[in-house]
């Protein structure tokens, strides 16, 4: 994989630690791509106050790709202030504020992103938005109701989380960020996930031009299926459900689907679910999944939370 171009699609919580940080150790060029539709928490508040793009996820990706001194990374993660937000967070993260106010002052997200990249010394790699058009994520539920906002899709508060999501879309429509389009077409390998299926992953593929770029690229497309299903987004989902839903939105077939086949102990699972009540159960494994497209592996860390071991995942990806 020497000097190969890898594009990683995903949200700001899992992908940075699972893929970006460990992949940096190899001779590859990484471009991480995040959706730009967050509407809750500190990010959502800054978006409302300054009419800026949500910078929470992209700031985390920049930190993961950074080659700076540790104090700069710690500063970008630092929370300050006493304002309380849903989800138990208190205050704003410095990195989110830095990018948001840099955009507000310059009136140009590109300049804000460049400034943040320079401060964090992101040199060889890049973190890019899927779009810089200001828009909102909406979802159509199985009963026909339309819900608005990434935060409501992510953590249902005004609708029943038992209702299945039938479709997600953007309003108004948005166009792909040009540098992201170029990265996709020049990629050797594209990874998708893991992360919240609709609010973090599929939302990346909604801007106009994304599907065309994915069809045009010669890169192998690899989906990393979540370890667990999530209330309101992937209730009762199986490996095949994840795969089919992603293929529907990218407009082409996946080359590989990596999924976990390790069944965790009931005690470990119970403890993790208590800490994360939004998570339901381990993703169901369908019978007779076709090989070599579907790759079953024990991806879990040996102990602790029901999370993937980054070394295991990266090893599989590099071997592809």
Protein backbone atom coordinates (compact mmCIF):
# COMPACT_ATOMS: atom_id res chain seq x y z
CA UNK A 1 0.00 0.00 0.00
CA UNK A 2 3.02 2.30 -0.26
CA UNK A 3 2.00 5.85 -1.23
CA UNK A 4 -1.53 4.69 -1.95
CA UNK A 5 -4.41 7.14 -1.61
CA UNK A 6 -7.00 6.10 0.97
CA UNK A 7 -10.26 8.03 1.39
CA UNK A 8 -12.10 7.43 4.69
CA UNK A 9 -15.78 8.37 5.06
CA UNK A 10 -17.23 8.56 8.55
CA UNK A 11 -18.18 10.56 11.59
CA UNK A 12 -16.04 12.29 14.16
CA UNK A 13 -16.12 9.84 17.06
CA UNK A 14 -15.07 6.41 15.78
CA UNK A 15 -13.13 6.89 12.52
CA UNK A 16 -10.33 9.14 13.87
CA UNK A 17 -9.14 6.63 16.49
CA UNK A 18 -10.03 3.45 14.62
CA UNK A 19 -8.59 4.34 11.21
CA UNK A 20 -6.94 7.74 10.83
CA UNK A 21 -4.43 7.63 13.69
CA UNK A 22 -3.21 4.04 13.04
CA UNK A 23 -3.14 4.48 9.23
CA UNK A 24 -0.80 7.47 9.65
CA UNK A 25 1.97 5.05 10.60
CA UNK A 26 2.02 3.56 7.10
CA UNK A 27 3.23 4.93 3.76
CA UNK A 28 -0.22 6.01 2.62
CA UNK A 29 -1.92 9.33 1.90
CA UNK A 30 -5.16 9.75 3.82
CA UNK A 31 -8.11 11.95 2.95
CA UNK A 32 -10.88 11.81 5.51
CA UNK A 33 -14.33 13.06 4.53
CA UNK A 34 -17.06 14.13 6.95
CA UNK A 35 -20.67 15.21 6.56
CA UNK A 36 -21.41 18.85 7.39
CA UNK A 37 -24.92 18.65 8.79
CA UNK A 38 -24.55 18.46 12.59
CA UNK A 39 -27.31 20.48 14.23
CA UNK A 40 -27.10 19.57 17.92
CA UNK A 41 -24.95 20.33 20.93
CA UNK A 42 -22.19 22.91 20.93
CA UNK A 43 -21.69 22.60 17.17
CA UNK A 44 -25.38 23.27 16.51
CA UNK A 45 -25.35 26.28 18.83
CA UNK A 46 -22.37 27.84 17.06
CA UNK A 47 -24.04 27.13 13.73
CA UNK A 48 -27.13 29.08 14.83
CA UNK A 49 -25.22 31.93 16.47
CA UNK A 50 -22.72 32.60 13.67
CA UNK A 51 -24.39 31.09 10.57
CA UNK A 52 -21.30 28.93 10.09
CA UNK A 53 -20.81 25.34 9.00
CA UNK A 54 -20.72 22.65 11.73
CA UNK A 55 -17.06 22.04 12.54
CA UNK A 56 -17.20 19.43 15.31
CA UNK A 57 -16.47 16.31 13.25
CA UNK A 58 -13.90 17.84 10.93
CA UNK A 59 -11.96 19.25 13.90
CA UNK A 60 -11.65 15.72 15.34
CA UNK A 61 -10.40 14.42 11.99
CA UNK A 62 -7.82 17.20 11.80
CA UNK A 63 -6.55 16.29 15.29
CA UNK A 64 -6.21 12.64 14.26
CA UNK A 65 -4.22 13.58 11.15
CA UNK A 66 -2.11 16.18 12.95
CA UNK A 67 1.68 15.99 13.25
CA UNK A 68 1.84 18.80 15.79
CA UNK A 69 3.00 18.81 19.40
CA UNK A 70 0.55 17.14 21.79
CA UNK A 71 -0.38 20.42 23.48
CA UNK A 72 -1.98 21.69 20.27
CA UNK A 73 -4.10 18.55 19.98
CA UNK A 74 -5.06 18.77 23.65
CA UNK A 75 -6.01 22.43 23.16
CA UNK A 76 -8.30 21.57 20.24
CA UNK A 77 -10.06 18.97 22.41
CA UNK A 78 -10.31 21.26 25.46
CA UNK A 79 -13.83 22.17 26.62
CA UNK A 80 -14.57 25.50 28.27
CA UNK A 81 -17.64 27.39 29.47
CA UNK A 82 -20.63 26.33 31.56
CA UNK A 83 -23.37 26.11 28.95
CA UNK A 84 -25.08 22.71 29.02
CA UNK A 85 -26.00 20.81 25.87
CA UNK A 86 -28.06 17.64 25.24
CA UNK A 87 -26.04 14.47 25.69
CA UNK A 88 -24.41 15.64 28.91
CA UNK A 89 -21.78 17.91 27.37
CA UNK A 90 -20.88 21.13 29.13
CA UNK A 91 -19.20 24.01 27.32
CA UNK A 92 -17.67 24.33 23.85
CA UNK A 93 -14.68 22.47 22.42
CA UNK A 94 -11.86 24.85 21.50
CA UNK A 95 -11.31 23.25 18.08
CA UNK A 96 -14.95 23.67 17.06
CA UNK A 97 -14.94 27.30 18.18
CA UNK A 98 -11.60 27.97 16.42
CA UNK A 99 -12.86 26.78 13.03
CA UNK A 100 -16.34 28.32 13.43
CA UNK A 101 -15.05 31.78 14.35
CA UNK A 102 -12.33 31.61 11.70
CA UNK A 103 -15.07 31.02 9.13
CA UNK A 104 -17.20 33.80 10.63
CA UNK A 105 -14.30 36.28 10.52
CA UNK A 106 -13.07 35.37 7.04
CA UNK A 107 -16.50 34.53 5.58
CA UNK A 108 -14.83 31.54 3.93
CA UNK A 109 -14.82 27.97 5.29
CA UNK A 110 -11.89 27.08 3.02
CA UNK A 111 -9.72 29.67 4.76
CA UNK A 112 -10.86 28.46 8.19
CA UNK A 113 -10.02 24.86 7.29
CA UNK A 114 -6.61 25.88 5.96
CA UNK A 115 -5.86 27.88 9.10
CA UNK A 116 -6.83 24.97 11.37
CA UNK A 117 -4.72 22.59 9.27
CA UNK A 118 -1.70 24.87 9.55
CA UNK A 119 -2.10 25.28 13.31
CA UNK A 120 -2.35 21.50 13.81
CA UNK A 121 0.41 20.85 11.28
CA UNK A 122 -1.62 18.56 9.04
CA UNK A 123 0.91 18.07 6.27
CA UNK A 124 0.76 14.85 4.28
CA UNK A 125 -2.93 14.08 4.85
CA UNK A 126 -6.22 16.00 4.55
CA UNK A 127 -9.59 16.29 6.27
CA UNK A 128 -12.29 17.52 3.89
CA UNK A 129 -16.01 18.34 4.03
CA UNK A 130 -18.41 16.47 1.78
CA UNK A 131 -19.90 19.88 0.94
CA UNK A 132 -19.59 23.48 2.12
CA UNK A 133 -23.13 24.40 1.10
CA UNK A 134 -25.28 25.29 4.09
CA UNK A 135 -28.13 22.80 4.28
CA UNK A 136 -30.05 20.53 6.65
CA UNK A 137 -30.43 16.76 6.89
CA UNK A 138 -34.00 15.44 6.80
CA UNK A 139 -35.46 11.95 7.12
CA UNK A 140 -38.69 10.32 5.99
CA UNK A 141 -40.02 7.80 8.52
CA UNK A 142 -41.99 4.65 7.68
CA UNK A 143 -45.25 6.39 8.66
CA UNK A 144 -44.57 9.17 6.14
CA UNK A 145 -43.59 11.81 8.69
CA UNK A 146 -40.60 14.01 7.82
CA UNK A 147 -38.18 14.91 10.61
CA UNK A 148 -35.66 17.74 10.30
CA UNK A 149 -32.15 18.03 11.69
CA UNK A 150 -29.19 15.70 12.18
CA UNK A 151 -29.62 15.88 15.97
CA UNK A 152 -33.20 14.57 15.84
CA UNK A 153 -32.19 11.72 13.53
CA UNK A 154 -29.18 10.91 15.72
CA UNK A 155 -31.05 10.96 19.06
CA UNK A 156 -34.86 10.93 18.61
CA UNK A 157 -36.58 13.29 21.02
CA UNK A 158 -39.71 14.37 19.11
CA UNK A 159 -40.54 11.08 17.36
CA UNK A 160 -40.68 7.40 18.24
CA UNK A 161 -37.25 5.76 17.82
CA UNK A 162 -39.05 2.52 16.91
CA UNK A 163 -40.08 3.98 13.55
CA UNK A 164 -37.84 2.91 10.68
CA UNK A 165 -36.09 5.51 8.52
CA UNK A 166 -37.15 5.08 4.90
CA UNK A 167 -35.11 7.84 3.29
CA UNK A 168 -32.73 10.72 4.11
CA UNK A 169 -32.17 13.82 1.99
CA UNK A 170 -30.84 17.37 2.07
CA UNK A 171 -32.85 20.59 1.95
CA UNK A 172 -31.81 22.70 0.17
CA UNK A 173 -29.76 20.53 -2.18
CA UNK A 174 -25.97 20.74 -1.96
CA UNK A 175 -23.02 20.09 -4.24
CA UNK A 176 -19.90 18.06 -3.56
CA UNK A 177 -16.83 19.97 -2.36
CA UNK A 178 -14.44 20.07 -5.39
CA UNK A 179 -11.38 18.80 -3.48
CA UNK A 180 -13.45 15.89 -2.15
CA UNK A 181 -14.51 14.97 -5.68
CA UNK A 182 -10.87 14.97 -6.79
CA UNK A 183 -9.83 12.83 -3.81
CA UNK A 184 -12.49 10.22 -4.61
CA UNK A 185 -11.54 9.96 -8.28
CA UNK A 186 -7.83 9.58 -7.45
CA UNK A 187 -8.29 7.11 -4.58
CA UNK A 188 -6.93 3.58 -4.55
CA UNK A 189 -9.10 2.51 -1.64
CA UNK A 190 -12.24 3.98 -0.07
CA UNK A 191 -13.42 3.03 3.42
CA UNK A 192 -16.95 3.71 4.66
CA UNK A 193 -17.73 3.70 8.38
CA UNK A 194 -18.12 2.60 11.02
CA UNK A 195 -20.41 5.19 12.59
CA UNK A 196 -24.03 6.30 12.82
CA UNK A 197 -25.48 4.99 9.57
CA UNK A 198 -27.76 7.83 8.48
CA UNK A 199 -26.56 10.86 10.45
CA UNK A 200 -22.80 10.34 9.91
CA UNK A 201 -22.17 7.93 7.03
CA UNK A 202 -24.97 8.00 4.46
CA UNK A 203 -25.30 11.76 4.90
CA UNK A 204 -21.81 12.04 3.33
CA UNK A 205 -23.20 10.69 0.05
CA UNK A 206 -26.17 13.04 -0.34
CA UNK A 207 -24.56 16.09 -2.04
CA UNK A 208 -24.86 16.18 -5.83
CA UNK A 209 -21.77 14.81 -7.57
CA UNK A 210 -20.83 12.23 -4.92
CA UNK A 211 -22.46 9.27 -6.68
CA UNK A 212 -20.88 10.24 -10.01
CA UNK A 213 -17.42 10.45 -8.43
CA UNK A 214 -17.86 7.06 -6.73
CA UNK A 215 -18.94 5.45 -10.00
CA UNK A 216 -15.99 7.00 -11.85
CA UNK A 217 -13.26 6.04 -9.38
CA UNK A 218 -11.30 2.82 -9.77
CA UNK A 219 -10.85 2.56 -6.01
CA UNK A 220 -12.02 -0.50 -4.10
CA UNK A 221 -14.95 0.45 -1.85
CA UNK A 222 -14.94 -1.12 1.61
CA UNK A 223 -17.73 -0.92 4.18
CA UNK A 224 -16.82 -1.52 7.83
CA UNK A 225 -20.08 -2.58 9.48
CA UNK A 226 -20.85 -1.34 12.99
CA UNK A 227 -20.52 -3.77 15.89
CA UNK A 228 -23.95 -2.88 17.30
CA UNK A 229 -27.31 -1.57 16.16
CA UNK A 230 -28.53 1.82 17.31
CA UNK A 231 -31.94 2.94 18.53
CA UNK A 232 -33.71 5.10 15.96
CA UNK A 233 -31.32 4.42 13.07
CA UNK A 234 -30.53 0.73 12.70
CA UNK A 235 -33.03 -1.17 14.84
CA UNK A 236 -32.68 -4.94 14.15
CA UNK A 237 -30.26 -4.36 11.25
CA UNK A 238 -28.18 -7.22 9.87
CA UNK A 239 -24.87 -7.11 7.99
CA UNK A 240 -26.78 -7.30 4.71
CA UNK A 241 -29.09 -4.45 5.77
CA UNK A 242 -26.07 -2.19 6.31
CA UNK A 243 -24.56 -3.22 2.99
CA UNK A 244 -27.74 -2.75 0.92
CA UNK A 245 -28.55 0.61 2.49
CA UNK A 246 -25.06 2.00 1.78
CA UNK A 247 -25.13 0.68 -1.80
CA UNK A 248 -28.49 2.38 -2.34
CA UNK A 249 -27.01 5.77 -1.51
CA UNK A 250 -23.59 5.43 -3.17
CA UNK A 251 -25.24 4.25 -6.39
CA UNK A 252 -22.88 1.34 -6.98
CA UNK A 253 -21.76 -1.94 -5.45
CA UNK A 254 -19.35 -2.30 -2.58
CA UNK A 255 -16.26 -4.40 -3.29
CA UNK A 256 -15.85 -5.60 0.30
CA UNK A 257 -17.92 -5.63 3.48
CA UNK A 258 -15.98 -6.23 6.71
CA UNK A 259 -18.01 -7.32 9.72
CA UNK A 260 -17.46 -8.66 13.21
CA UNK A 261 -18.31 -12.32 13.90
CA UNK A 262 -17.17 -12.40 17.53
CA UNK A 263 -20.02 -12.90 20.01
CA UNK A 264 -19.18 -11.01 23.18
CA UNK A 265 -19.98 -12.34 26.64
CA UNK A 266 -23.41 -11.41 28.02
CA UNK A 267 -21.81 -9.68 31.00
CA UNK A 268 -19.56 -7.51 28.84
CA UNK A 269 -22.44 -6.66 26.51
CA UNK A 270 -24.77 -5.81 29.39
CA UNK A 271 -22.20 -3.48 30.96
CA UNK A 272 -21.58 -1.66 27.66
CA UNK A 273 -25.29 -1.26 26.92
CA UNK A 274 -25.78 0.23 30.39
CA UNK A 275 -23.17 2.87 29.55
CA UNK A 276 -24.69 3.42 26.09
CA UNK A 277 -28.47 2.96 26.28
CA UNK A 278 -28.85 4.11 22.66
CA UNK A 279 -27.12 0.91 21.50
CA UNK A 280 -29.36 -2.15 21.18
CA UNK A 281 -27.67 -5.41 20.22
CA UNK A 282 -24.87 -6.89 18.17
CA UNK A 283 -25.50 -6.60 14.43
CA UNK A 284 -27.19 -9.75 13.10
CA UNK A 285 -25.15 -11.96 10.79
CA UNK A 286 -27.05 -13.20 7.74
CA UNK A 287 -26.65 -16.77 6.52
CA UNK A 288 -24.64 -17.58 3.39
CA UNK A 289 -23.03 -14.18 2.86
CA UNK A 290 -21.11 -14.36 -0.42
CA UNK A 291 -17.32 -14.47 -0.36
CA UNK A 292 -14.90 -12.81 -0.99
CA UNK A 293 -17.13 -9.70 -0.77
CA UNK A 294 -18.18 -10.34 2.83
CA UNK A 295 -15.23 -10.67 5.20
CA UNK A 296 -16.00 -12.09 8.65
CA UNK A 297 -13.43 -11.49 11.38
CA UNK A 298 -13.14 -11.12 15.12
CA UNK A 299 -12.76 -7.34 15.19
CA UNK A 300 -13.42 -6.70 18.88
CA UNK A 301 -10.83 -5.60 21.40
CA UNK A 302 -10.01 -8.36 23.91
CA UNK A 303 -11.75 -6.65 26.81
CA UNK A 304 -13.58 -3.51 27.85
CA UNK A 305 -16.15 -1.70 25.67
CA UNK A 306 -17.71 -3.40 22.63
CA UNK A 307 -15.35 -1.57 20.32
CA UNK A 308 -13.13 -2.61 17.42
CA UNK A 309 -9.40 -3.20 17.76
CA UNK A 310 -7.84 -0.67 15.38
CA UNK A 311 -4.85 -2.90 14.61
CA UNK A 312 -7.12 -5.73 13.49
CA UNK A 313 -9.21 -3.46 11.24
CA UNK A 314 -6.25 -1.63 9.68
CA UNK A 315 -4.46 -4.91 8.96
CA UNK A 316 -7.47 -6.18 6.98
CA UNK A 317 -7.77 -2.91 5.07
CA UNK A 318 -4.09 -2.81 4.10
CA UNK A 319 -4.22 -6.44 2.98
CA UNK A 320 -7.06 -5.64 0.58
